[in-house]
Amino acid sequence: MKIQFNIQTVGYIVAELETEDEKIKIGHSYAYGDKFQELLNGLFFVYSCRREANGDIFPYSFEIMWYDDRVNYSWIITADSLQSELEIRIIELSPTSSIYSRELWKKNLSFDNLFNEIYSSLDRLLLEFGFIGYKNNWEVGNFPLGEYLMLKADKFHFNLELMNIDEEEWKNKVPIKRELDLVLFDQH
């Protein structure tokens, strides 16, 4: 199973999903907001719960819409438990007809496989565009640095331990030097 996100042209991001017998390609225009980041936000909520062994939210499901001028796509992501695979459904919708609906994709993915694919995509996007180039080419959002760093740290066993920055428990951070070390860590 492969999932890749690519900035195909200025302001247009594409998701390519591929198995041995099936491949789909769907896009989203920046004119409708940063739905790529919203997709990552939903996925990383599940990722964080899994990392922290917080099963209280499961079963969990969320939906994100990707919009294009001629066709829209609904991403529906479902996780039944901490140990379950994630189900990804993508439904093609019409921006002009509320009755048109066609399921393009419905697959279960292992947690590790999905987030390894996301890491690979983000790493490739960073190498291709850099931080500023990503912003200039995607136009509506910054590079998803926090998500990238979490995945990179986990993949390469890089400790990003949070530390309290004052008496209030909710205020914590990773030292900026440690984050920059991880950004500059070259695994290639």
C-alpha atoms as a PDB file:
ATOM      1  CA  MET A   1       0.000   0.000   0.000  1.00  0.00           C
ATOM      2  CA  LYS A   2       1.345   3.387  -0.981  1.00  0.00           C
ATOM      3  CA  ILE A   3       0.028   6.846  -0.200  1.00  0.00           C
ATOM      4  CA  GLN A   4       1.771   9.918  -1.536  1.00  0.00           C
ATOM      5  CA  PHE A   5       0.874  13.580  -1.295  1.00  0.00           C
ATOM      6  CA  ASN A   6       2.265  15.879  -3.965  1.00  0.00           C
ATOM      7  CA  ILE A   7       1.959  19.543  -4.818  1.00  0.00           C
ATOM      8  CA  GLN A   8       1.183  19.105  -8.479  1.00  0.00           C
ATOM      9  CA  THR A   9       1.077  22.774  -9.388  1.00  0.00           C
ATOM     10  CA  VAL A  10       0.818  26.047  -7.496  1.00  0.00           C
ATOM     11  CA  GLY A  11      -2.130  25.773  -5.127  1.00  0.00           C
ATOM     12  CA  TYR A  12      -3.078  22.202  -6.018  1.00  0.00           C
ATOM     13  CA  ILE A  13      -2.273  19.150  -3.900  1.00  0.00           C
ATOM     14  CA  VAL A  14      -2.825  15.562  -4.995  1.00  0.00           C
ATOM     15  CA  ALA A  15      -3.140  12.338  -3.029  1.00  0.00           C
ATOM     16  CA  GLU A  16      -2.142   9.155  -4.824  1.00  0.00           C
ATOM     17  CA  LEU A  17      -3.300   5.917  -3.216  1.00  0.00           C
ATOM     18  CA  GLU A  18      -2.077   2.647  -4.640  1.00  0.00           C
ATOM     19  CA  THR A  19      -2.304  -1.069  -3.979  1.00  0.00           C
ATOM     20  CA  GLU A  20      -1.132  -3.917  -6.185  1.00  0.00           C
ATOM     21  CA  ASP A  21      -4.386  -3.890  -8.145  1.00  0.00           C
ATOM     22  CA  GLU A  22      -5.758  -0.376  -7.772  1.00  0.00           C
ATOM     23  CA  LYS A  23      -4.601   3.224  -8.014  1.00  0.00           C
ATOM     24  CA  ILE A  24      -6.512   6.451  -7.537  1.00  0.00           C
ATOM     25  CA  LYS A  25      -5.458  10.057  -7.711  1.00  0.00           C
ATOM     26  CA  ILE A  26      -7.520  12.833  -6.156  1.00  0.00           C
ATOM     27  CA  GLY A  27      -6.840  16.537  -5.822  1.00  0.00           C
ATOM     28  CA  HIS A  28      -7.695  19.558  -3.749  1.00  0.00           C
ATOM     29  CA  SER A  29      -7.476  23.220  -4.694  1.00  0.00           C
ATOM     30  CA  TYR A  30      -6.089  25.850  -2.338  1.00  0.00           C
ATOM     31  CA  ALA A  31      -9.085  28.032  -3.247  1.00  0.00           C
ATOM     32  CA  TYR A  32     -11.096  25.970  -0.727  1.00  0.00           C
ATOM     33  CA  GLY A  33      -8.670  26.233   2.208  1.00  0.00           C
ATOM     34  CA  ASP A  34      -5.981  24.002   3.650  1.00  0.00           C
ATOM     35  CA  LYS A  35      -7.913  20.739   3.796  1.00  0.00           C
ATOM     36  CA  PHE A  36      -4.625  18.837   3.560  1.00  0.00           C
ATOM     37  CA  GLN A  37      -3.699  20.191   6.995  1.00  0.00           C
ATOM     38  CA  GLU A  38      -7.173  19.379   8.295  1.00  0.00           C
ATOM     39  CA  LEU A  39      -6.717  15.784   7.100  1.00  0.00           C
ATOM     40  CA  LEU A  40      -3.360  15.632   8.891  1.00  0.00           C
ATOM     41  CA  ASN A  41      -4.917  17.123  12.046  1.00  0.00           C
ATOM     42  CA  GLY A  42      -7.497  14.325  12.178  1.00  0.00           C
ATOM     43  CA  LEU A  43      -4.935  11.629  11.482  1.00  0.00           C
ATOM     44  CA  PHE A  44      -2.513  13.011  14.051  1.00  0.00           C
ATOM     45  CA  PHE A  45      -5.197  13.084  16.698  1.00  0.00           C
ATOM     46  CA  VAL A  46      -5.434   9.300  16.248  1.00  0.00           C
ATOM     47  CA  TYR A  47      -1.618   9.080  16.080  1.00  0.00           C
ATOM     48  CA  SER A  48      -1.204  10.946  19.375  1.00  0.00           C
ATOM     49  CA  CYS A  49      -3.842   8.839  21.127  1.00  0.00           C
ATOM     50  CA  ARG A  50      -2.129   5.690  19.932  1.00  0.00           C
ATOM     51  CA  ARG A  51       1.323   6.919  21.025  1.00  0.00           C
ATOM     52  CA  GLU A  52      -0.025   7.799  24.478  1.00  0.00           C
ATOM     53  CA  ALA A  53      -2.082   4.576  24.703  1.00  0.00           C
ATOM     54  CA  ASN A  54      -5.229   6.652  25.209  1.00  0.00           C
ATOM     55  CA  GLY A  55      -8.069   4.385  24.145  1.00  0.00           C
ATOM     56  CA  ASP A  56     -10.808   6.584  25.585  1.00  0.00           C
ATOM     57  CA  ILE A  57     -11.692   8.140  22.222  1.00  0.00           C
ATOM     58  CA  PHE A  58     -12.236   4.876  20.340  1.00  0.00           C
ATOM     59  CA  PRO A  59     -14.127   4.008  18.288  1.00  0.00           C
ATOM     60  CA  TYR A  60     -13.248   7.210  16.442  1.00  0.00           C
ATOM     61  CA  SER A  61     -14.189   8.487  13.017  1.00  0.00           C
ATOM     62  CA  PHE A  62     -13.784  11.798  11.205  1.00  0.00           C
ATOM     63  CA  GLU A  63     -14.559  13.197   7.793  1.00  0.00           C
ATOM     64  CA  ILE A  64     -12.676  15.807   5.764  1.00  0.00           C
ATOM     65  CA  MET A  65     -13.822  17.213   2.463  1.00  0.00           C
ATOM     66  CA  TRP A  66     -11.402  17.955  -0.364  1.00  0.00           C
ATOM     67  CA  TYR A  67     -12.761  20.353  -2.961  1.00  0.00           C
ATOM     68  CA  ASP A  68     -11.999  20.901  -6.582  1.00  0.00           C
ATOM     69  CA  ASP A  69     -13.837  22.913  -9.190  1.00  0.00           C
ATOM     70  CA  ARG A  70     -15.406  19.892 -10.916  1.00  0.00           C
ATOM     71  CA  VAL A  71     -15.488  17.180  -8.226  1.00  0.00           C
ATOM     72  CA  ASN A  72     -15.277  16.893  -4.448  1.00  0.00           C
ATOM     73  CA  TYR A  73     -13.967  14.088  -2.281  1.00  0.00           C
ATOM     74  CA  SER A  74     -14.981  12.971   1.169  1.00  0.00           C
ATOM     75  CA  TRP A  75     -12.259  11.303   3.245  1.00  0.00           C
ATOM     76  CA  ILE A  76     -13.760   9.192   6.034  1.00  0.00           C
ATOM     77  CA  ILE A  77     -11.211   7.759   8.449  1.00  0.00           C
ATOM     78  CA  THR A  78     -12.282   5.256  11.111  1.00  0.00           C
ATOM     79  CA  ALA A  79     -10.374   3.530  13.903  1.00  0.00           C
ATOM     80  CA  ASP A  80     -12.238   1.083  16.137  1.00  0.00           C
ATOM     81  CA  SER A  81      -9.598   0.693  18.852  1.00  0.00           C
ATOM     82  CA  LEU A  82      -5.970   1.399  19.732  1.00  0.00           C
ATOM     83  CA  GLN A  83      -4.910  -1.862  18.070  1.00  0.00           C
ATOM     84  CA  SER A  84      -7.165  -1.747  15.023  1.00  0.00           C
ATOM     85  CA  GLU A  85      -6.231  -0.857  11.505  1.00  0.00           C
ATOM     86  CA  LEU A  86      -7.479   2.455  10.163  1.00  0.00           C
ATOM     87  CA  GLU A  87     -10.157   2.314   7.527  1.00  0.00           C
ATOM     88  CA  ILE A  88      -9.893   4.929   4.789  1.00  0.00           C
ATOM     89  CA  ARG A  89     -12.897   5.574   2.588  1.00  0.00           C
ATOM     90  CA  ILE A  90     -12.861   8.118  -0.209  1.00  0.00           C
ATOM     91  CA  ILE A  91     -16.125   9.068  -1.801  1.00  0.00           C
ATOM     92  CA  GLU A  92     -16.397  11.151  -4.948  1.00  0.00           C
ATOM     93  CA  LEU A  93     -19.122  13.801  -4.785  1.00  0.00           C
ATOM     94  CA  SER A  94     -20.472  16.333  -7.220  1.00  0.00           C
ATOM     95  CA  PRO A  95     -20.363  20.036  -6.359  1.00  0.00           C
ATOM     96  CA  THR A  96     -23.609  20.495  -8.318  1.00  0.00           C
ATOM     97  CA  SER A  97     -25.655  17.362  -7.531  1.00  0.00           C
ATOM     98  CA  SER A  98     -26.396  16.230  -3.996  1.00  0.00           C
ATOM     99  CA  ILE A  99     -27.444  12.758  -5.185  1.00  0.00           C
ATOM    100  CA  TYR A 100     -24.179  11.829  -6.947  1.00  0.00           C
ATOM    101  CA  SER A 101     -21.941   9.741  -4.704  1.00  0.00           C
ATOM    102  CA  ARG A 102     -19.410   7.104  -5.766  1.00  0.00           C
ATOM    103  CA  GLU A 103     -17.074   5.234  -3.448  1.00  0.00           C
ATOM    104  CA  LEU A 104     -13.591   5.311  -4.988  1.00  0.00           C
ATOM    105  CA  TRP A 105     -11.597   3.693  -2.220  1.00  0.00           C
ATOM    106  CA  LYS A 106     -12.191   1.627   0.884  1.00  0.00           C
ATOM    107  CA  LYS A 107      -9.153   0.002   2.427  1.00  0.00           C
ATOM    108  CA  ASN A 108      -7.879  -0.924   5.854  1.00  0.00           C
ATOM    109  CA  LEU A 109      -4.345   0.146   6.605  1.00  0.00           C
ATOM    110  CA  SER A 110      -2.058  -0.735   9.439  1.00  0.00           C
ATOM    111  CA  PHE A 111      -1.246   2.174  11.685  1.00  0.00           C
ATOM    112  CA  ASP A 112       2.493   1.822  11.033  1.00  0.00           C
ATOM    113  CA  ASN A 113       2.122   1.554   7.264  1.00  0.00           C
ATOM    114  CA  LEU A 114      -0.111   4.620   7.038  1.00  0.00           C
ATOM    115  CA  PHE A 115       2.142   6.846   9.117  1.00  0.00           C
ATOM    116  CA  ASN A 116       5.312   5.590   7.404  1.00  0.00           C
ATOM    117  CA  GLU A 117       3.715   6.602   4.095  1.00  0.00           C
ATOM    118  CA  ILE A 118       2.775  10.014   5.501  1.00  0.00           C
ATOM    119  CA  TYR A 119       6.331  10.499   6.785  1.00  0.00           C
ATOM    120  CA  SER A 120       7.771   9.569   3.371  1.00  0.00           C
ATOM    121  CA  SER A 121       5.454  12.059   1.649  1.00  0.00           C
ATOM    122  CA  LEU A 122       6.265  14.870   4.053  1.00  0.00           C
ATOM    123  CA  ASP A 123       9.983  14.154   3.844  1.00  0.00           C
ATOM    124  CA  ARG A 124       9.863  14.213   0.042  1.00  0.00           C
ATOM    125  CA  LEU A 125       7.818  17.452   0.053  1.00  0.00           C
ATOM    126  CA  LEU A 126      10.335  19.066   2.404  1.00  0.00           C
ATOM    127  CA  LEU A 127      13.298  17.976   0.274  1.00  0.00           C
ATOM    128  CA  GLU A 128      11.563  19.116  -2.918  1.00  0.00           C
ATOM    129  CA  PHE A 129      10.257  22.488  -1.740  1.00  0.00           C
ATOM    130  CA  GLY A 130      11.781  23.414   1.630  1.00  0.00           C
ATOM    131  CA  PHE A 131       9.734  25.339   4.201  1.00  0.00           C
ATOM    132  CA  ILE A 132       9.341  28.583   2.271  1.00  0.00           C
ATOM    133  CA  GLY A 133       8.964  26.898  -1.108  1.00  0.00           C
ATOM    134  CA  TYR A 134       6.192  24.717   0.314  1.00  0.00           C
ATOM    135  CA  LYS A 135       4.328  27.834   1.508  1.00  0.00           C
ATOM    136  CA  ASN A 136       4.885  29.584  -1.830  1.00  0.00           C
ATOM    137  CA  ASN A 137       3.668  26.599  -3.844  1.00  0.00           C
ATOM    138  CA  TRP A 138       0.778  25.419  -1.664  1.00  0.00           C
ATOM    139  CA  GLU A 139      -0.109  29.032  -0.801  1.00  0.00           C
ATOM    140  CA  VAL A 140      -2.702  28.400   1.960  1.00  0.00           C
ATOM    141  CA  GLY A 141      -0.659  26.634   4.590  1.00  0.00           C
ATOM    142  CA  ASN A 142       2.767  26.194   6.052  1.00  0.00           C
ATOM    143  CA  PHE A 143       4.709  22.962   5.900  1.00  0.00           C
ATOM    144  CA  PRO A 144       3.282  20.597   8.572  1.00  0.00           C
ATOM    145  CA  LEU A 145       6.452  20.749  10.647  1.00  0.00           C
ATOM    146  CA  GLY A 146       5.083  19.470  13.953  1.00  0.00           C
ATOM    147  CA  GLU A 147       3.666  16.362  12.326  1.00  0.00           C
ATOM    148  CA  TYR A 148       6.841  15.793  10.343  1.00  0.00           C
ATOM    149  CA  LEU A 149       9.034  16.096  13.438  1.00  0.00           C
ATOM    150  CA  MET A 150       6.876  13.696  15.473  1.00  0.00           C
ATOM    151  CA  LEU A 151       7.043  11.076  12.727  1.00  0.00           C
ATOM    152  CA  LYS A 152      10.763  11.578  12.135  1.00  0.00           C
ATOM    153  CA  ALA A 153      11.533  11.368  15.848  1.00  0.00           C
ATOM    154  CA  ASP A 154       9.583   8.127  16.180  1.00  0.00           C
ATOM    155  CA  LYS A 155      11.078   6.627  13.027  1.00  0.00           C
ATOM    156  CA  PHE A 156      14.679   7.335  14.046  1.00  0.00           C
ATOM    157  CA  HIS A 157      14.221   6.927  17.821  1.00  0.00           C
ATOM    158  CA  PHE A 158      15.038  10.570  18.447  1.00  0.00           C
ATOM    159  CA  ASN A 159      13.956  11.636  21.941  1.00  0.00           C
ATOM    160  CA  LEU A 160      11.698  14.699  21.908  1.00  0.00           C
ATOM    161  CA  GLU A 161      10.779  14.711  25.572  1.00  0.00           C
ATOM    162  CA  LEU A 162       8.472  17.496  26.648  1.00  0.00           C
ATOM    163  CA  MET A 163       9.522  19.662  29.559  1.00  0.00           C
ATOM    164  CA  ASN A 164       7.410  21.980  31.699  1.00  0.00           C
ATOM    165  CA  ILE A 165       8.159  25.650  31.117  1.00  0.00           C
ATOM    166  CA  ASP A 166       6.472  26.967  34.251  1.00  0.00           C
ATOM    167  CA  GLU A 167       4.356  25.913  37.211  1.00  0.00           C
ATOM    168  CA  GLU A 168       1.272  25.316  35.094  1.00  0.00           C
ATOM    169  CA  GLU A 169       1.135  21.672  34.005  1.00  0.00           C
ATOM    170  CA  TRP A 170      -0.322  22.348  30.563  1.00  0.00           C
ATOM    171  CA  LYS A 171       2.586  24.553  29.443  1.00  0.00           C
ATOM    172  CA  ASN A 172       5.330  22.373  28.064  1.00  0.00           C
ATOM    173  CA  LYS A 173       7.638  22.270  25.101  1.00  0.00           C
ATOM    174  CA  VAL A 174      10.500  20.461  23.459  1.00  0.00           C
ATOM    175  CA  PRO A 175      13.673  22.548  23.632  1.00  0.00           C
ATOM    176  CA  ILE A 176      14.046  24.387  20.316  1.00  0.00           C
ATOM    177  CA  LYS A 177      17.654  23.217  19.930  1.00  0.00           C
ATOM    178  CA  ARG A 178      16.446  19.623  20.097  1.00  0.00           C
ATOM    179  CA  GLU A 179      13.792  20.303  17.440  1.00  0.00           C
ATOM    180  CA  LEU A 180      16.338  21.994  15.168  1.00  0.00           C
ATOM    181  CA  ASP A 181      18.745  19.077  15.645  1.00  0.00           C
ATOM    182  CA  LEU A 182      15.990  16.789  14.418  1.00  0.00           C
ATOM    183  CA  VAL A 183      15.215  19.019  11.410  1.00  0.00           C
ATOM    184  CA  LEU A 184      18.899  18.920  10.448  1.00  0.00           C
ATOM    185  CA  PHE A 185      19.307  15.198  11.161  1.00  0.00           C
ATOM    186  CA  ASP A 186      20.054  13.739   7.736  1.00  0.00           C
ATOM    187  CA  GLN A 187      18.871  10.172   7.284  1.00  0.00           C
ATOM    188  CA  HIS A 188      19.478  10.175   3.519  1.00  0.00           C
END
